[in-house]
Amino acid sequence: MSGRRSLGISIVAIAIGGLLVLLSSGRVWARSSVAALTGGGRVSLSATGHQVAPSLPALAYALLALAVAVLAARGLLRRVVGLVVVLIGAITIGVAATAPGQASQALEHREVGAAGLVVHASANGWWVLALVGGILATAAGALTVIRGDRWAALGARYDAPTAPPRPTDPAAEAWAALDRGEDPTA
């Protein structure tokens, strides 16, 4: 696999991983209904991914920012960014894997009018999407750590500007050439 191609694959995989985590964190992960205290009906409760695992959106945004950082960095710094991607991806995997067990607790914290109301629910499959996003980002981060210092970097036109060259005086340049021993007539 060429350097340019593996760089592109890594950047796209990190970004897709972040987007998958962000998408899943906004979806409803758990639903339940409890008996209403007044009126005898039932109250429907739901909890989204960011209510079950509040850190997921922040982890997703970090992965998206790190995808851009992989592109902008070069050499050893790119490998360090890849290491951070691996770390954030591993944390995302851990959060997504433990979140389904916290669905009932998230529903209990929803306002239902009675403190201490026990709610039982299980998480649906959206947590798997967050898990896949974390795995994808972790694998791309590992690829960046292994090969990142060999990939091409942005061109010099993207570097920070330097001091503009000083304008030269033709007469002064001619005298400087004479001082160096150069013949200006040759």
C-alpha atoms as a PDB file:
ATOM      1  CA  MET A   1       0.000   0.000   0.000  1.00  0.00           C
ATOM      2  CA  SER A   2       1.436   3.374  -1.005  1.00  0.00           C
ATOM      3  CA  GLY A   3       2.113   6.099   1.535  1.00  0.00           C
ATOM      4  CA  ARG A   4      -0.444   8.490   0.127  1.00  0.00           C
ATOM      5  CA  ARG A   5      -3.111   5.803   0.018  1.00  0.00           C
ATOM      6  CA  SER A   6      -2.514   4.616   3.589  1.00  0.00           C
ATOM      7  CA  LEU A   7      -2.558   8.247   4.783  1.00  0.00           C
ATOM      8  CA  GLY A   8      -5.939   8.733   3.132  1.00  0.00           C
ATOM      9  CA  ILE A   9      -7.281   5.479   4.534  1.00  0.00           C
ATOM     10  CA  SER A  10      -6.160   6.437   8.026  1.00  0.00           C
ATOM     11  CA  ILE A  11      -7.692   9.906   7.897  1.00  0.00           C
ATOM     12  CA  VAL A  12     -10.988   8.649   6.467  1.00  0.00           C
ATOM     13  CA  ALA A  13     -11.173   5.756   8.964  1.00  0.00           C
ATOM     14  CA  ILE A  14     -10.621   8.078  11.937  1.00  0.00           C
ATOM     15  CA  ALA A  15     -13.243  10.506  10.626  1.00  0.00           C
ATOM     16  CA  ILE A  16     -15.763   7.729   9.926  1.00  0.00           C
ATOM     17  CA  GLY A  17     -15.132   6.292  13.392  1.00  0.00           C
ATOM     18  CA  GLY A  18     -15.825   9.696  14.942  1.00  0.00           C
ATOM     19  CA  LEU A  19     -18.968  10.141  12.839  1.00  0.00           C
ATOM     20  CA  LEU A  20     -20.265   6.695  13.824  1.00  0.00           C
ATOM     21  CA  VAL A  21     -19.780   7.487  17.506  1.00  0.00           C
ATOM     22  CA  LEU A  22     -21.444  10.878  17.081  1.00  0.00           C
ATOM     23  CA  LEU A  23     -24.371   9.376  15.171  1.00  0.00           C
ATOM     24  CA  SER A  24     -24.972   6.642  17.711  1.00  0.00           C
ATOM     25  CA  SER A  25     -24.742   9.011  20.680  1.00  0.00           C
ATOM     26  CA  GLY A  26     -27.691  11.010  19.384  1.00  0.00           C
ATOM     27  CA  ARG A  27     -29.992   8.001  18.914  1.00  0.00           C
ATOM     28  CA  VAL A  28     -32.366   6.502  21.476  1.00  0.00           C
ATOM     29  CA  TRP A  29     -30.579   3.622  23.182  1.00  0.00           C
ATOM     30  CA  ALA A  30     -33.244   2.554  25.665  1.00  0.00           C
ATOM     31  CA  ARG A  31     -37.012   2.813  26.076  1.00  0.00           C
ATOM     32  CA  SER A  32     -39.274   1.832  28.907  1.00  0.00           C
ATOM     33  CA  SER A  33     -42.640   2.673  30.360  1.00  0.00           C
ATOM     34  CA  VAL A  34     -43.613   2.953  33.987  1.00  0.00           C
ATOM     35  CA  ALA A  35     -46.933   3.269  35.747  1.00  0.00           C
ATOM     36  CA  ALA A  36     -47.924   6.880  36.270  1.00  0.00           C
ATOM     37  CA  LEU A  37     -48.490   7.909  39.858  1.00  0.00           C
ATOM     38  CA  THR A  38     -51.545   9.941  38.931  1.00  0.00           C
ATOM     39  CA  GLY A  39     -54.228   8.907  36.481  1.00  0.00           C
ATOM     40  CA  GLY A  40     -53.349   5.217  36.335  1.00  0.00           C
ATOM     41  CA  GLY A  41     -51.766   5.424  32.861  1.00  0.00           C
ATOM     42  CA  ARG A  42     -48.248   4.676  31.779  1.00  0.00           C
ATOM     43  CA  VAL A  43     -45.398   7.110  31.218  1.00  0.00           C
ATOM     44  CA  SER A  44     -42.997   6.402  28.387  1.00  0.00           C
ATOM     45  CA  LEU A  45     -39.303   7.040  29.028  1.00  0.00           C
ATOM     46  CA  SER A  46     -36.371   7.056  26.628  1.00  0.00           C
ATOM     47  CA  ALA A  47     -32.662   7.737  26.925  1.00  0.00           C
ATOM     48  CA  THR A  48     -30.305   8.672  24.110  1.00  0.00           C
ATOM     49  CA  GLY A  49     -26.725   7.553  23.850  1.00  0.00           C
ATOM     50  CA  HIS A  50     -25.341  10.777  25.278  1.00  0.00           C
ATOM     51  CA  GLN A  51     -27.682  10.410  28.274  1.00  0.00           C
ATOM     52  CA  VAL A  52     -26.508   6.840  28.854  1.00  0.00           C
ATOM     53  CA  ALA A  53     -22.824   7.641  28.220  1.00  0.00           C
ATOM     54  CA  PRO A  54     -22.313  11.428  28.400  1.00  0.00           C
ATOM     55  CA  SER A  55     -18.694  11.253  27.214  1.00  0.00           C
ATOM     56  CA  LEU A  56     -19.504   9.808  23.776  1.00  0.00           C
ATOM     57  CA  PRO A  57     -20.124  13.112  21.928  1.00  0.00           C
ATOM     58  CA  ALA A  58     -16.885  14.587  23.296  1.00  0.00           C
ATOM     59  CA  LEU A  59     -14.952  11.505  22.236  1.00  0.00           C
ATOM     60  CA  ALA A  60     -16.521  11.712  18.767  1.00  0.00           C
ATOM     61  CA  TYR A  61     -15.547  15.366  18.353  1.00  0.00           C
ATOM     62  CA  ALA A  62     -12.021  14.563  19.537  1.00  0.00           C
ATOM     63  CA  LEU A  63     -11.718  11.849  16.882  1.00  0.00           C
ATOM     64  CA  LEU A  64     -12.932  14.222  14.169  1.00  0.00           C
ATOM     65  CA  ALA A  65     -10.403  16.856  15.225  1.00  0.00           C
ATOM     66  CA  LEU A  66      -7.629  14.266  15.363  1.00  0.00           C
ATOM     67  CA  ALA A  67      -8.418  13.169  11.795  1.00  0.00           C
ATOM     68  CA  VAL A  68      -7.558  16.687  10.667  1.00  0.00           C
ATOM     69  CA  ALA A  69      -4.502  16.731  12.951  1.00  0.00           C
ATOM     70  CA  VAL A  70      -3.140  13.590  11.264  1.00  0.00           C
ATOM     71  CA  LEU A  71      -3.297  15.423   7.960  1.00  0.00           C
ATOM     72  CA  ALA A  72      -1.678  18.593   9.296  1.00  0.00           C
ATOM     73  CA  ALA A  73       1.118  16.988  11.330  1.00  0.00           C
ATOM     74  CA  ARG A  74       4.292  15.454   9.958  1.00  0.00           C
ATOM     75  CA  GLY A  75       7.036  13.133  11.110  1.00  0.00           C
ATOM     76  CA  LEU A  76       7.239  12.303  14.795  1.00  0.00           C
ATOM     77  CA  LEU A  77       4.362  14.638  15.667  1.00  0.00           C
ATOM     78  CA  ARG A  78       2.074  12.644  13.355  1.00  0.00           C
ATOM     79  CA  ARG A  79       2.987   9.474  15.231  1.00  0.00           C
ATOM     80  CA  VAL A  80       2.169  11.205  18.521  1.00  0.00           C
ATOM     81  CA  VAL A  81      -1.220  12.230  17.091  1.00  0.00           C
ATOM     82  CA  GLY A  82      -1.737   8.598  16.064  1.00  0.00           C
ATOM     83  CA  LEU A  83      -0.985   7.522  19.625  1.00  0.00           C
ATOM     84  CA  VAL A  84      -3.594   9.970  20.924  1.00  0.00           C
ATOM     85  CA  VAL A  85      -6.084   8.543  18.393  1.00  0.00           C
ATOM     86  CA  VAL A  86      -5.375   5.044  19.735  1.00  0.00           C
ATOM     87  CA  LEU A  87      -5.940   6.300  23.291  1.00  0.00           C
ATOM     88  CA  ILE A  88      -9.206   8.103  22.460  1.00  0.00           C
ATOM     89  CA  GLY A  89     -10.375   5.110  20.404  1.00  0.00           C
ATOM     90  CA  ALA A  90      -9.659   2.718  23.288  1.00  0.00           C
ATOM     91  CA  ILE A  91     -11.569   4.955  25.693  1.00  0.00           C
ATOM     92  CA  THR A  92     -14.463   5.036  23.210  1.00  0.00           C
ATOM     93  CA  ILE A  93     -14.448   1.240  23.035  1.00  0.00           C
ATOM     94  CA  GLY A  94     -14.525   1.016  26.827  1.00  0.00           C
ATOM     95  CA  VAL A  95     -17.351   3.535  27.167  1.00  0.00           C
ATOM     96  CA  ALA A  96     -19.421   1.922  24.410  1.00  0.00           C
ATOM     97  CA  ALA A  97     -18.909  -1.581  25.804  1.00  0.00           C
ATOM     98  CA  THR A  98     -19.966  -0.637  29.343  1.00  0.00           C
ATOM     99  CA  ALA A  99     -22.808   1.700  28.387  1.00  0.00           C
ATOM    100  CA  PRO A 100     -25.543  -0.919  27.783  1.00  0.00           C
ATOM    101  CA  GLY A 101     -25.433  -1.852  31.455  1.00  0.00           C
ATOM    102  CA  GLN A 102     -26.126   1.765  32.379  1.00  0.00           C
ATOM    103  CA  ALA A 103     -29.321   2.145  30.338  1.00  0.00           C
ATOM    104  CA  SER A 104     -31.637   1.458  33.276  1.00  0.00           C
ATOM    105  CA  GLN A 105     -29.755   3.908  35.447  1.00  0.00           C
ATOM    106  CA  ALA A 106     -30.035   6.600  32.755  1.00  0.00           C
ATOM    107  CA  LEU A 107     -33.781   6.046  32.559  1.00  0.00           C
ATOM    108  CA  GLU A 108     -34.081   6.228  36.334  1.00  0.00           C
ATOM    109  CA  HIS A 109     -32.450   9.648  36.282  1.00  0.00           C
ATOM    110  CA  ARG A 110     -35.038  10.946  33.828  1.00  0.00           C
ATOM    111  CA  GLU A 111     -37.644  13.066  35.528  1.00  0.00           C
ATOM    112  CA  VAL A 112     -40.727  10.952  36.062  1.00  0.00           C
ATOM    113  CA  GLY A 113     -42.185  12.670  39.084  1.00  0.00           C
ATOM    114  CA  ALA A 114     -41.122  10.190  41.760  1.00  0.00           C
ATOM    115  CA  ALA A 115     -37.722   9.865  43.349  1.00  0.00           C
ATOM    116  CA  GLY A 116     -36.399   6.357  43.678  1.00  0.00           C
ATOM    117  CA  LEU A 117     -38.586   4.870  40.961  1.00  0.00           C
ATOM    118  CA  VAL A 118     -36.971   1.689  39.636  1.00  0.00           C
ATOM    119  CA  VAL A 119     -36.903   1.378  35.847  1.00  0.00           C
ATOM    120  CA  HIS A 120     -35.730  -1.704  33.996  1.00  0.00           C
ATOM    121  CA  ALA A 121     -34.618  -1.498  30.387  1.00  0.00           C
ATOM    122  CA  SER A 122     -31.931  -2.844  28.136  1.00  0.00           C
ATOM    123  CA  ALA A 123     -30.036  -0.940  25.494  1.00  0.00           C
ATOM    124  CA  ASN A 124     -30.813  -1.532  21.842  1.00  0.00           C
ATOM    125  CA  GLY A 125     -28.124  -1.948  19.165  1.00  0.00           C
ATOM    126  CA  TRP A 126     -26.960   1.663  18.807  1.00  0.00           C
ATOM    127  CA  TRP A 127     -24.154   1.074  21.275  1.00  0.00           C
ATOM    128  CA  VAL A 128     -22.662  -1.426  18.804  1.00  0.00           C
ATOM    129  CA  LEU A 129     -22.262   1.391  16.266  1.00  0.00           C
ATOM    130  CA  ALA A 130     -20.309   3.414  18.821  1.00  0.00           C
ATOM    131  CA  LEU A 131     -18.184   0.348  19.540  1.00  0.00           C
ATOM    132  CA  VAL A 132     -17.467  -0.156  15.819  1.00  0.00           C
ATOM    133  CA  GLY A 133     -16.527   3.530  15.506  1.00  0.00           C
ATOM    134  CA  GLY A 134     -14.071   3.188  18.389  1.00  0.00           C
ATOM    135  CA  ILE A 135     -12.540   0.041  16.900  1.00  0.00           C
ATOM    136  CA  LEU A 136     -12.193   1.667  13.486  1.00  0.00           C
ATOM    137  CA  ALA A 137     -10.527   4.751  14.942  1.00  0.00           C
ATOM    138  CA  THR A 138      -8.187   2.665  17.097  1.00  0.00           C
ATOM    139  CA  ALA A 139      -7.061   0.599  14.112  1.00  0.00           C
ATOM    140  CA  ALA A 140      -6.478   3.738  12.028  1.00  0.00           C
ATOM    141  CA  GLY A 141      -4.565   5.319  14.905  1.00  0.00           C
ATOM    142  CA  ALA A 142      -2.344   2.240  15.131  1.00  0.00           C
ATOM    143  CA  LEU A 143      -1.696   2.487  11.384  1.00  0.00           C
ATOM    144  CA  THR A 144      -0.715   6.124  11.905  1.00  0.00           C
ATOM    145  CA  VAL A 145       1.672   5.213  14.716  1.00  0.00           C
ATOM    146  CA  ILE A 146       3.319   2.512  12.611  1.00  0.00           C
ATOM    147  CA  ARG A 147       3.560   4.326   9.258  1.00  0.00           C
ATOM    148  CA  GLY A 148       2.853   7.978  10.015  1.00  0.00           C
ATOM    149  CA  ASP A 149       6.408   9.261   9.850  1.00  0.00           C
ATOM    150  CA  ARG A 150       6.786   7.929   6.276  1.00  0.00           C
ATOM    151  CA  TRP A 151       3.718   9.646   4.870  1.00  0.00           C
ATOM    152  CA  ALA A 152       3.832  12.821   2.813  1.00  0.00           C
ATOM    153  CA  ALA A 153       3.172  16.105   4.575  1.00  0.00           C
ATOM    154  CA  LEU A 154       1.408  19.267   3.527  1.00  0.00           C
ATOM    155  CA  GLY A 155       3.396  21.485   1.177  1.00  0.00           C
ATOM    156  CA  ALA A 156       5.435  24.477   2.263  1.00  0.00           C
ATOM    157  CA  ARG A 157       2.652  26.845   1.264  1.00  0.00           C
ATOM    158  CA  TYR A 158       0.751  25.618   4.338  1.00  0.00           C
ATOM    159  CA  ASP A 159       3.621  26.432   6.711  1.00  0.00           C
ATOM    160  CA  ALA A 160       3.543  29.501   8.914  1.00  0.00           C
ATOM    161  CA  PRO A 161       4.628  32.624   7.045  1.00  0.00           C
ATOM    162  CA  THR A 162       8.227  33.723   7.417  1.00  0.00           C
ATOM    163  CA  ALA A 163       9.685  37.208   7.246  1.00  0.00           C
ATOM    164  CA  PRO A 164       9.418  38.596   3.721  1.00  0.00           C
ATOM    165  CA  PRO A 165      12.728  38.986   1.863  1.00  0.00           C
ATOM    166  CA  ARG A 166      14.231  42.439   2.112  1.00  0.00           C
ATOM    167  CA  PRO A 167      14.207  44.414  -1.119  1.00  0.00           C
ATOM    168  CA  THR A 168      17.677  44.684  -2.655  1.00  0.00           C
ATOM    169  CA  ASP A 169      19.215  47.786  -4.110  1.00  0.00           C
ATOM    170  CA  PRO A 170      20.919  47.012  -7.473  1.00  0.00           C
ATOM    171  CA  ALA A 171      23.733  49.481  -6.814  1.00  0.00           C
ATOM    172  CA  ALA A 172      24.421  48.060  -3.365  1.00  0.00           C
ATOM    173  CA  GLU A 173      24.350  44.544  -4.816  1.00  0.00           C
ATOM    174  CA  ALA A 174      26.946  45.535  -7.434  1.00  0.00           C
ATOM    175  CA  TRP A 175      29.262  46.960  -4.750  1.00  0.00           C
ATOM    176  CA  ALA A 176      28.790  43.798  -2.647  1.00  0.00           C
ATOM    177  CA  ALA A 177      29.788  41.717  -5.695  1.00  0.00           C
ATOM    178  CA  LEU A 178      32.946  43.803  -6.110  1.00  0.00           C
ATOM    179  CA  ASP A 179      33.726  43.331  -2.403  1.00  0.00           C
ATOM    180  CA  ARG A 180      33.445  39.549  -2.874  1.00  0.00           C
ATOM    181  CA  GLY A 181      35.890  39.766  -5.749  1.00  0.00           C
ATOM    182  CA  GLU A 182      33.368  39.135  -8.552  1.00  0.00           C
ATOM    183  CA  ASP A 183      33.702  40.953 -11.862  1.00  0.00           C
ATOM    184  CA  PRO A 184      30.390  42.743 -12.588  1.00  0.00           C
ATOM    185  CA  THR A 185      31.229  43.114 -16.286  1.00  0.00           C
ATOM    186  CA  ALA A 186      31.641  39.385 -16.932  1.00  0.00           C
END
